[in-house]
C-alpha atoms as a PDB file:
ATOM      1  CA  UNK A   1     168.825 141.859 138.034  1.00  0.00           C
ATOM      2  CA  UNK A   2     168.790 143.467 134.566  1.00  0.00           C
ATOM      3  CA  UNK A   3     166.374 146.370 135.107  1.00  0.00           C
ATOM      4  CA  UNK A   4     164.751 148.117 132.162  1.00  0.00           C
ATOM      5  CA  UNK A   5     165.010 151.837 132.810  1.00  0.00           C
ATOM      6  CA  UNK A   6     163.352 152.861 129.518  1.00  0.00           C
ATOM      7  CA  UNK A   7     160.027 151.519 128.268  1.00  0.00           C
ATOM      8  CA  UNK A   8     158.891 152.485 124.773  1.00  0.00           C
ATOM      9  CA  UNK A   9     155.231 151.909 123.999  1.00  0.00           C
ATOM     10  CA  UNK A  10     153.090 151.837 120.921  1.00  0.00           C
ATOM     11  CA  UNK A  11     149.946 153.993 121.246  1.00  0.00           C
ATOM     12  CA  UNK A  12     146.831 152.702 119.453  1.00  0.00           C
ATOM     13  CA  UNK A  13     145.801 149.257 120.607  1.00  0.00           C
ATOM     14  CA  UNK A  14     148.535 149.188 123.247  1.00  0.00           C
ATOM     15  CA  UNK A  15     147.831 152.120 125.569  1.00  0.00           C
ATOM     16  CA  UNK A  16     144.594 153.512 124.156  1.00  0.00           C
ATOM     17  CA  UNK A  17     141.423 152.426 122.385  1.00  0.00           C
ATOM     18  CA  UNK A  18     140.310 155.271 120.152  1.00  0.00           C
ATOM     19  CA  UNK A  19     137.726 153.303 118.191  1.00  0.00           C
ATOM     20  CA  UNK A  20     134.861 154.573 120.398  1.00  0.00           C
ATOM     21  CA  UNK A  21     135.802 158.146 119.433  1.00  0.00           C
ATOM     22  CA  UNK A  22     135.892 157.271 115.726  1.00  0.00           C
ATOM     23  CA  UNK A  23     132.587 155.414 115.984  1.00  0.00           C
ATOM     24  CA  UNK A  24     131.073 158.392 117.796  1.00  0.00           C
ATOM     25  CA  UNK A  25     132.161 160.585 114.886  1.00  0.00           C
ATOM     26  CA  UNK A  26     130.423 158.363 112.363  1.00  0.00           C
ATOM     27  CA  UNK A  27     127.296 158.158 114.513  1.00  0.00           C
ATOM     28  CA  UNK A  28     127.161 161.959 114.845  1.00  0.00           C
ATOM     29  CA  UNK A  29     127.535 162.320 111.079  1.00  0.00           C
ATOM     30  CA  UNK A  30     124.770 159.734 110.635  1.00  0.00           C
ATOM     31  CA  UNK A  31     122.491 161.642 112.996  1.00  0.00           C
ATOM     32  CA  UNK A  32     123.040 164.809 110.983  1.00  0.00           C
ATOM     33  CA  UNK A  33     122.307 162.892 107.762  1.00  0.00           C
ATOM     34  CA  UNK A  34     119.075 161.622 109.305  1.00  0.00           C
ATOM     35  CA  UNK A  35     118.045 165.072 110.483  1.00  0.00           C
ATOM     36  CA  UNK A  36     118.809 166.558 107.065  1.00  0.00           C
ATOM     37  CA  UNK A  37     117.590 163.916 104.611  1.00  0.00           C
ATOM     38  CA  UNK A  38     115.791 161.304 106.715  1.00  0.00           C
ATOM     39  CA  UNK A  39     118.484 158.674 106.090  1.00  0.00           C
ATOM     40  CA  UNK A  40     118.405 155.737 108.482  1.00  0.00           C
ATOM     41  CA  UNK A  41     121.205 156.443 110.940  1.00  0.00           C
ATOM     42  CA  UNK A  42     122.408 152.843 111.157  1.00  0.00           C
ATOM     43  CA  UNK A  43     122.695 152.672 107.373  1.00  0.00           C
ATOM     44  CA  UNK A  44     124.722 155.859 107.055  1.00  0.00           C
ATOM     45  CA  UNK A  45     127.020 154.903 109.966  1.00  0.00           C
ATOM     46  CA  UNK A  46     127.671 151.558 108.255  1.00  0.00           C
ATOM     47  CA  UNK A  47     128.405 152.847 104.747  1.00  0.00           C
ATOM     48  CA  UNK A  48     130.410 155.963 105.656  1.00  0.00           C
ATOM     49  CA  UNK A  49     133.602 154.097 106.726  1.00  0.00           C
ATOM     50  CA  UNK A  50     133.440 152.001 103.546  1.00  0.00           C
ATOM     51  CA  UNK A  51     133.029 155.091 101.372  1.00  0.00           C
ATOM     52  CA  UNK A  52     135.953 156.770 103.133  1.00  0.00           C
ATOM     53  CA  UNK A  53     138.161 153.718 102.662  1.00  0.00           C
ATOM     54  CA  UNK A  54     137.347 153.409  98.968  1.00  0.00           C
ATOM     55  CA  UNK A  55     137.979 157.123  98.346  1.00  0.00           C
ATOM     56  CA  UNK A  56     141.269 156.950 100.289  1.00  0.00           C
ATOM     57  CA  UNK A  57     142.690 154.239  98.060  1.00  0.00           C
ATOM     58  CA  UNK A  58     141.772 155.862  94.741  1.00  0.00           C
ATOM     59  CA  UNK A  59     145.048 157.802  94.144  1.00  0.00           C
ATOM     60  CA  UNK A  60     147.951 155.574  93.107  1.00  0.00           C
ATOM     61  CA  UNK A  61     150.465 157.834  94.880  1.00  0.00           C
ATOM     62  CA  UNK A  62     148.833 157.509  98.288  1.00  0.00           C
ATOM     63  CA  UNK A  63     149.631 153.843  98.929  1.00  0.00           C
ATOM     64  CA  UNK A  64     153.353 154.357  99.595  1.00  0.00           C
ATOM     65  CA  UNK A  65     152.632 157.254 101.987  1.00  0.00           C
ATOM     66  CA  UNK A  66     150.019 155.213 103.820  1.00  0.00           C
ATOM     67  CA  UNK A  67     152.442 152.330 104.248  1.00  0.00           C
ATOM     68  CA  UNK A  68     155.404 154.525 105.197  1.00  0.00           C
ATOM     69  CA  UNK A  69     153.654 156.508 107.905  1.00  0.00           C
ATOM     70  CA  UNK A  70     150.898 154.127 109.009  1.00  0.00           C
ATOM     71  CA  UNK A  71     147.978 156.320 107.930  1.00  0.00           C
ATOM     72  CA  UNK A  72     144.279 155.524 107.731  1.00  0.00           C
ATOM     73  CA  UNK A  73     141.197 156.730 105.887  1.00  0.00           C
ATOM     74  CA  UNK A  74     139.584 158.073 109.062  1.00  0.00           C
ATOM     75  CA  UNK A  75     142.743 160.069 109.824  1.00  0.00           C
ATOM     76  CA  UNK A  76     142.318 161.646 106.405  1.00  0.00           C
ATOM     77  CA  UNK A  77     138.791 162.664 107.348  1.00  0.00           C
ATOM     78  CA  UNK A  78     139.862 164.592 110.431  1.00  0.00           C
ATOM     79  CA  UNK A  79     143.601 165.345 110.717  1.00  0.00           C
ATOM     80  CA  UNK A  80     145.741 168.050 109.065  1.00  0.00           C
ATOM     81  CA  UNK A  81     149.147 166.298 108.834  1.00  0.00           C
ATOM     82  CA  UNK A  82     151.190 169.420 109.708  1.00  0.00           C
ATOM     83  CA  UNK A  83     154.953 169.509 109.686  1.00  0.00           C
ATOM     84  CA  UNK A  84     157.995 169.980 107.494  1.00  0.00           C
ATOM     85  CA  UNK A  85     157.730 166.736 105.510  1.00  0.00           C
ATOM     86  CA  UNK A  86     157.530 167.735 101.839  1.00  0.00           C
ATOM     87  CA  UNK A  87     156.422 164.257 100.761  1.00  0.00           C
ATOM     88  CA  UNK A  88     153.186 164.828 102.708  1.00  0.00           C
ATOM     89  CA  UNK A  89     152.339 168.046 100.854  1.00  0.00           C
ATOM     90  CA  UNK A  90     150.405 166.278  98.067  1.00  0.00           C
ATOM     91  CA  UNK A  91     148.294 164.628 100.770  1.00  0.00           C
ATOM     92  CA  UNK A  92     147.620 167.952 102.502  1.00  0.00           C
ATOM     93  CA  UNK A  93     146.622 169.508  99.188  1.00  0.00           C
ATOM     94  CA  UNK A  94     144.294 166.601  98.412  1.00  0.00           C
ATOM     95  CA  UNK A  95     142.509 166.434 101.788  1.00  0.00           C
ATOM     96  CA  UNK A  96     139.596 168.804 100.922  1.00  0.00           C
ATOM     97  CA  UNK A  97     138.909 166.828  97.731  1.00  0.00           C
ATOM     98  CA  UNK A  98     139.147 163.523  99.577  1.00  0.00           C
ATOM     99  CA  UNK A  99     136.783 164.548 102.338  1.00  0.00           C
ATOM    100  CA  UNK A 100     134.196 165.918  99.939  1.00  0.00           C
ATOM    101  CA  UNK A 101     134.397 162.776  97.794  1.00  0.00           C
ATOM    102  CA  UNK A 102     134.179 160.410 100.788  1.00  0.00           C
ATOM    103  CA  UNK A 103     131.111 162.039 102.327  1.00  0.00           C
ATOM    104  CA  UNK A 104     129.426 162.545  98.952  1.00  0.00           C
ATOM    105  CA  UNK A 105     129.911 158.830  98.268  1.00  0.00           C
ATOM    106  CA  UNK A 106     128.469 157.931 101.680  1.00  0.00           C
ATOM    107  CA  UNK A 107     125.305 159.869 100.856  1.00  0.00           C
ATOM    108  CA  UNK A 108     125.170 158.332  97.376  1.00  0.00           C
ATOM    109  CA  UNK A 109     125.262 154.832  98.895  1.00  0.00           C
ATOM    110  CA  UNK A 110     122.132 155.846 100.772  1.00  0.00           C
ATOM    111  CA  UNK A 111     120.473 157.047  97.571  1.00  0.00           C
ATOM    112  CA  UNK A 112     120.931 160.764  98.223  1.00  0.00           C
ATOM    113  CA  UNK A 113     122.688 163.403  96.100  1.00  0.00           C
ATOM    114  CA  UNK A 114     123.787 165.629  98.955  1.00  0.00           C
ATOM    115  CA  UNK A 115     124.242 169.374  98.603  1.00  0.00           C
ATOM    116  CA  UNK A 116     127.787 170.682  99.027  1.00  0.00           C
ATOM    117  CA  UNK A 117     126.978 172.619 102.189  1.00  0.00           C
ATOM    118  CA  UNK A 118     125.517 169.455 103.730  1.00  0.00           C
ATOM    119  CA  UNK A 119     128.662 167.504 102.846  1.00  0.00           C
ATOM    120  CA  UNK A 120     130.805 170.213 104.451  1.00  0.00           C
ATOM    121  CA  UNK A 121     128.719 170.186 107.626  1.00  0.00           C
ATOM    122  CA  UNK A 122     128.873 166.387 107.776  1.00  0.00           C
ATOM    123  CA  UNK A 123     132.653 166.575 107.601  1.00  0.00           C
ATOM    124  CA  UNK A 124     132.757 169.154 110.399  1.00  0.00           C
ATOM    125  CA  UNK A 125     130.405 167.048 112.521  1.00  0.00           C
ATOM    126  CA  UNK A 126     132.571 163.947 112.213  1.00  0.00           C
ATOM    127  CA  UNK A 127     135.802 165.807 112.990  1.00  0.00           C
ATOM    128  CA  UNK A 128     134.402 167.780 115.906  1.00  0.00           C
ATOM    129  CA  UNK A 129     132.886 164.695 117.508  1.00  0.00           C
ATOM    130  CA  UNK A 130     135.957 162.530 117.006  1.00  0.00           C
ATOM    131  CA  UNK A 131     138.160 165.157 118.653  1.00  0.00           C
ATOM    132  CA  UNK A 132     135.799 165.819 121.554  1.00  0.00           C
ATOM    133  CA  UNK A 133     136.306 164.389 125.030  1.00  0.00           C
ATOM    134  CA  UNK A 134     138.694 161.897 126.509  1.00  0.00           C
ATOM    135  CA  UNK A 135     140.266 158.961 124.722  1.00  0.00           C
ATOM    136  CA  UNK A 136     139.753 155.669 126.513  1.00  0.00           C
ATOM    137  CA  UNK A 137     142.770 153.833 127.876  1.00  0.00           C
ATOM    138  CA  UNK A 138     143.250 150.241 126.813  1.00  0.00           C
ATOM    139  CA  UNK A 139     142.327 147.511 129.269  1.00  0.00           C
ATOM    140  CA  UNK A 140     144.789 147.470 132.161  1.00  0.00           C
ATOM    141  CA  UNK A 141     146.883 150.366 130.854  1.00  0.00           C
ATOM    142  CA  UNK A 142     146.188 152.754 133.733  1.00  0.00           C
ATOM    143  CA  UNK A 143     147.329 150.322 136.425  1.00  0.00           C
ATOM    144  CA  UNK A 144     150.323 149.176 134.425  1.00  0.00           C
ATOM    145  CA  UNK A 145     151.562 152.705 133.812  1.00  0.00           C
ATOM    146  CA  UNK A 146     151.154 153.579 137.477  1.00  0.00           C
ATOM    147  CA  UNK A 147     153.214 150.548 138.462  1.00  0.00           C
ATOM    148  CA  UNK A 148     155.922 151.431 135.938  1.00  0.00           C
ATOM    149  CA  UNK A 149     156.013 155.186 136.570  1.00  0.00           C
ATOM    150  CA  UNK A 150     159.487 155.131 138.149  1.00  0.00           C
ATOM    151  CA  UNK A 151     161.038 154.446 134.731  1.00  0.00           C
ATOM    152  CA  UNK A 152     161.432 156.606 131.631  1.00  0.00           C
ATOM    153  CA  UNK A 153     158.302 156.069 129.529  1.00  0.00           C
ATOM    154  CA  UNK A 154     157.996 157.070 125.886  1.00  0.00           C
ATOM    155  CA  UNK A 155     155.773 156.477 122.867  1.00  0.00           C
ATOM    156  CA  UNK A 156     156.671 155.709 119.259  1.00  0.00           C
ATOM    157  CA  UNK A 157     153.555 155.719 117.105  1.00  0.00           C
ATOM    158  CA  UNK A 158     152.654 155.568 113.445  1.00  0.00           C
ATOM    159  CA  UNK A 159     150.147 158.127 112.232  1.00  0.00           C
ATOM    160  CA  UNK A 160     149.638 161.885 111.827  1.00  0.00           C
ATOM    161  CA  UNK A 161     151.484 163.826 114.512  1.00  0.00           C
ATOM    162  CA  UNK A 162     148.613 166.210 115.216  1.00  0.00           C
ATOM    163  CA  UNK A 163     146.121 163.419 115.787  1.00  0.00           C
ATOM    164  CA  UNK A 164     148.472 161.150 117.721  1.00  0.00           C
ATOM    165  CA  UNK A 165     149.691 163.875 120.070  1.00  0.00           C
ATOM    166  CA  UNK A 166     146.115 165.003 120.697  1.00  0.00           C
ATOM    167  CA  UNK A 167     145.151 161.449 121.637  1.00  0.00           C
ATOM    168  CA  UNK A 168     148.096 161.189 124.041  1.00  0.00           C
ATOM    169  CA  UNK A 169     146.933 164.226 125.987  1.00  0.00           C
ATOM    170  CA  UNK A 170     143.210 163.481 125.772  1.00  0.00           C
ATOM    171  CA  UNK A 171     143.945 160.053 127.251  1.00  0.00           C
ATOM    172  CA  UNK A 172     145.803 161.676 130.166  1.00  0.00           C
ATOM    173  CA  UNK A 173     149.179 160.253 129.107  1.00  0.00           C
ATOM    174  CA  UNK A 174     151.021 163.496 128.424  1.00  0.00           C
ATOM    175  CA  UNK A 175     152.320 163.970 131.961  1.00  0.00           C
ATOM    176  CA  UNK A 176     153.650 160.408 132.061  1.00  0.00           C
ATOM    177  CA  UNK A 177     155.625 160.377 128.834  1.00  0.00           C
ATOM    178  CA  UNK A 178     159.137 161.721 128.471  1.00  0.00           C
ATOM    179  CA  UNK A 179     158.869 161.644 124.669  1.00  0.00           C
ATOM    180  CA  UNK A 180     156.240 161.124 121.983  1.00  0.00           C
ATOM    181  CA  UNK A 181     157.514 160.349 118.481  1.00  0.00           C
ATOM    182  CA  UNK A 182     154.932 160.227 115.656  1.00  0.00           C
ATOM    183  CA  UNK A 183     155.813 158.947 112.220  1.00  0.00           C
ATOM    184  CA  UNK A 184     154.773 161.974 110.140  1.00  0.00           C
ATOM    185  CA  UNK A 185     156.887 164.278 112.310  1.00  0.00           C
ATOM    186  CA  UNK A 186     159.821 161.878 112.342  1.00  0.00           C
ATOM    187  CA  UNK A 187     159.834 161.321 108.591  1.00  0.00           C
ATOM    188  CA  UNK A 188     159.449 157.565 108.746  1.00  0.00           C
ATOM    189  CA  UNK A 189     157.298 154.926 110.370  1.00  0.00           C
ATOM    190  CA  UNK A 190     157.741 151.719 112.301  1.00  0.00           C
ATOM    191  CA  UNK A 191     159.569 149.405 111.948  1.00  0.00           C
ATOM    192  CA  UNK A 192     162.286 151.815 110.734  1.00  0.00           C
ATOM    193  CA  UNK A 193     165.010 151.648 113.381  1.00  0.00           C
ATOM    194  CA  UNK A 194     165.785 155.363 113.003  1.00  0.00           C
ATOM    195  CA  UNK A 195     162.690 156.045 115.099  1.00  0.00           C
ATOM    196  CA  UNK A 196     164.330 154.449 118.115  1.00  0.00           C
ATOM    197  CA  UNK A 197     167.344 156.743 117.765  1.00  0.00           C
ATOM    198  CA  UNK A 198     165.116 159.814 117.595  1.00  0.00           C
ATOM    199  CA  UNK A 199     163.203 158.670 120.641  1.00  0.00           C
ATOM    200  CA  UNK A 200     166.281 157.972 122.756  1.00  0.00           C
ATOM    201  CA  UNK A 201     167.785 161.338 121.845  1.00  0.00           C
ATOM    202  CA  UNK A 202     164.615 163.007 123.158  1.00  0.00           C
ATOM    203  CA  UNK A 203     164.867 161.384 126.584  1.00  0.00           C
ATOM    204  CA  UNK A 204     166.530 163.208 129.490  1.00  0.00           C
ATOM    205  CA  UNK A 205     168.732 160.444 130.910  1.00  0.00           C
ATOM    206  CA  UNK A 206     171.788 158.753 129.468  1.00  0.00           C
ATOM    207  CA  UNK A 207     171.302 155.298 130.932  1.00  0.00           C
ATOM    208  CA  UNK A 208     169.531 153.096 128.450  1.00  0.00           C
ATOM    209  CA  UNK A 209     168.285 149.579 129.048  1.00  0.00           C
ATOM    210  CA  UNK A 210     165.345 149.586 126.672  1.00  0.00           C
ATOM    211  CA  UNK A 211     162.223 147.452 126.289  1.00  0.00           C
ATOM    212  CA  UNK A 212     159.706 147.915 123.452  1.00  0.00           C
ATOM    213  CA  UNK A 213     156.020 147.135 124.021  1.00  0.00           C
ATOM    214  CA  UNK A 214     153.303 146.984 121.373  1.00  0.00           C
ATOM    215  CA  UNK A 215     150.420 145.081 119.839  1.00  0.00           C
ATOM    216  CA  UNK A 216     151.670 144.876 116.241  1.00  0.00           C
ATOM    217  CA  UNK A 217     154.043 142.103 115.235  1.00  0.00           C
ATOM    218  CA  UNK A 218     154.669 143.807 111.900  1.00  0.00           C
ATOM    219  CA  UNK A 219     155.498 147.239 113.321  1.00  0.00           C
ATOM    220  CA  UNK A 220     156.321 147.207 117.042  1.00  0.00           C
ATOM    221  CA  UNK A 221     157.931 143.821 117.449  1.00  0.00           C
ATOM    222  CA  UNK A 222     159.819 144.081 114.164  1.00  0.00           C
ATOM    223  CA  UNK A 223     161.234 147.415 115.329  1.00  0.00           C
ATOM    224  CA  UNK A 224     162.539 145.734 118.468  1.00  0.00           C
ATOM    225  CA  UNK A 225     163.983 142.796 116.531  1.00  0.00           C
ATOM    226  CA  UNK A 226     165.742 145.071 114.041  1.00  0.00           C
ATOM    227  CA  UNK A 227     167.317 147.005 116.915  1.00  0.00           C
ATOM    228  CA  UNK A 228     168.254 143.913 118.919  1.00  0.00           C
ATOM    229  CA  UNK A 229     166.050 145.020 121.836  1.00  0.00           C
ATOM    230  CA  UNK A 230     163.785 142.845 124.006  1.00  0.00           C
ATOM    231  CA  UNK A 231     160.074 143.222 123.397  1.00  0.00           C
ATOM    232  CA  UNK A 232     156.696 142.390 124.850  1.00  0.00           C
ATOM    233  CA  UNK A 233     153.934 141.674 122.372  1.00  0.00           C
ATOM    234  CA  UNK A 234     150.411 142.481 123.557  1.00  0.00           C
ATOM    235  CA  UNK A 235     148.597 139.863 121.514  1.00  0.00           C
ATOM    236  CA  UNK A 236     144.927 140.680 121.955  1.00  0.00           C
ATOM    237  CA  UNK A 237     143.627 138.441 119.159  1.00  0.00           C
ATOM    238  CA  UNK A 238     144.455 135.123 117.561  1.00  0.00           C
ATOM    239  CA  UNK A 239     147.575 135.371 115.437  1.00  0.00           C
ATOM    240  CA  UNK A 240     148.826 132.552 113.264  1.00  0.00           C
ATOM    241  CA  UNK A 241     152.503 131.734 113.363  1.00  0.00           C
ATOM    242  CA  UNK A 242     155.199 131.432 115.964  1.00  0.00           C
ATOM    243  CA  UNK A 243     156.410 134.025 118.437  1.00  0.00           C
ATOM    244  CA  UNK A 244     159.870 135.369 117.548  1.00  0.00           C
ATOM    245  CA  UNK A 245     162.748 134.492 119.857  1.00  0.00           C
ATOM    246  CA  UNK A 246     163.312 136.991 122.637  1.00  0.00           C
ATOM    247  CA  UNK A 247     159.728 138.238 122.577  1.00  0.00           C
ATOM    248  CA  UNK A 248     157.413 137.825 125.560  1.00  0.00           C
ATOM    249  CA  UNK A 249     153.652 137.660 125.008  1.00  0.00           C
ATOM    250  CA  UNK A 250     150.835 138.999 127.192  1.00  0.00           C
ATOM    251  CA  UNK A 251     147.093 139.264 126.620  1.00  0.00           C
ATOM    252  CA  UNK A 252     146.657 142.853 127.831  1.00  0.00           C
ATOM    253  CA  UNK A 253     148.495 145.808 129.312  1.00  0.00           C
ATOM    254  CA  UNK A 254     147.399 144.665 132.769  1.00  0.00           C
ATOM    255  CA  UNK A 255     149.969 141.853 132.593  1.00  0.00           C
ATOM    256  CA  UNK A 256     152.908 144.115 131.731  1.00  0.00           C
ATOM    257  CA  UNK A 257     154.396 144.729 135.222  1.00  0.00           C
ATOM    258  CA  UNK A 258     154.585 141.006 135.970  1.00  0.00           C
ATOM    259  CA  UNK A 259     155.951 140.203 132.503  1.00  0.00           C
ATOM    260  CA  UNK A 260     158.625 142.878 132.820  1.00  0.00           C
ATOM    261  CA  UNK A 261     159.608 141.541 136.241  1.00  0.00           C
ATOM    262  CA  UNK A 262     160.047 138.069 134.771  1.00  0.00           C
ATOM    263  CA  UNK A 263     162.245 139.386 131.981  1.00  0.00           C
ATOM    264  CA  UNK A 264     164.383 141.283 134.471  1.00  0.00           C
ATOM    265  CA  UNK A 265     164.976 138.117 136.477  1.00  0.00           C
ATOM    266  CA  UNK A 266     166.371 136.234 133.477  1.00  0.00           C
END
């Protein structure tokens, strides 16, 4: 039997579902907009993500950073992107301008010219609500992780290190993981194979029979293929095209223990 002693997971969409937290942030901002200006909450909650997305993509220089690190407009609304990476400094400098522009545009789409102090409070409301409370585990993740707890477990994730690490601990995953590698701290994002080297160097044991698990063909599975490592693709939605050789497919994290057992018997 070829036992995998090291399992490396993606985070968002694989182990956790953070969308309820993000949606709660937009709903809280919409409630504040309603209380302040009488805006219909459903309208504001619908237009705010669109305004944030449009404002995020305005600077020409931001596209390469977004692609390299796997960033998103809603991360820009709430995270600080700390760390030594000098290429992220223009983003850090721009964040106050971005947030003001995004929320101002959301109000404008509702026909309101919002005061600056209202825009600032809206931004604080979104961030505080998004960061409050637990992050929900993905379907089947809790049972799968319990069944696989006798192995070295780690996470490689794209996104801002402050936000990703917070989500790990708010989901109750911190005690289970031997390493958490986030793209902005590592200096590169998936599918760059250097991330695997950084992750393995962070783990306590020398034995290494590695399996990569994720929900993104473009990022997680490509990382595994580039490194010549077996992978399990959690394909939660219809995806056109064939499954790459050497990649197993499951519908949710609940099926991981059985899928891993089958791979180990081959």
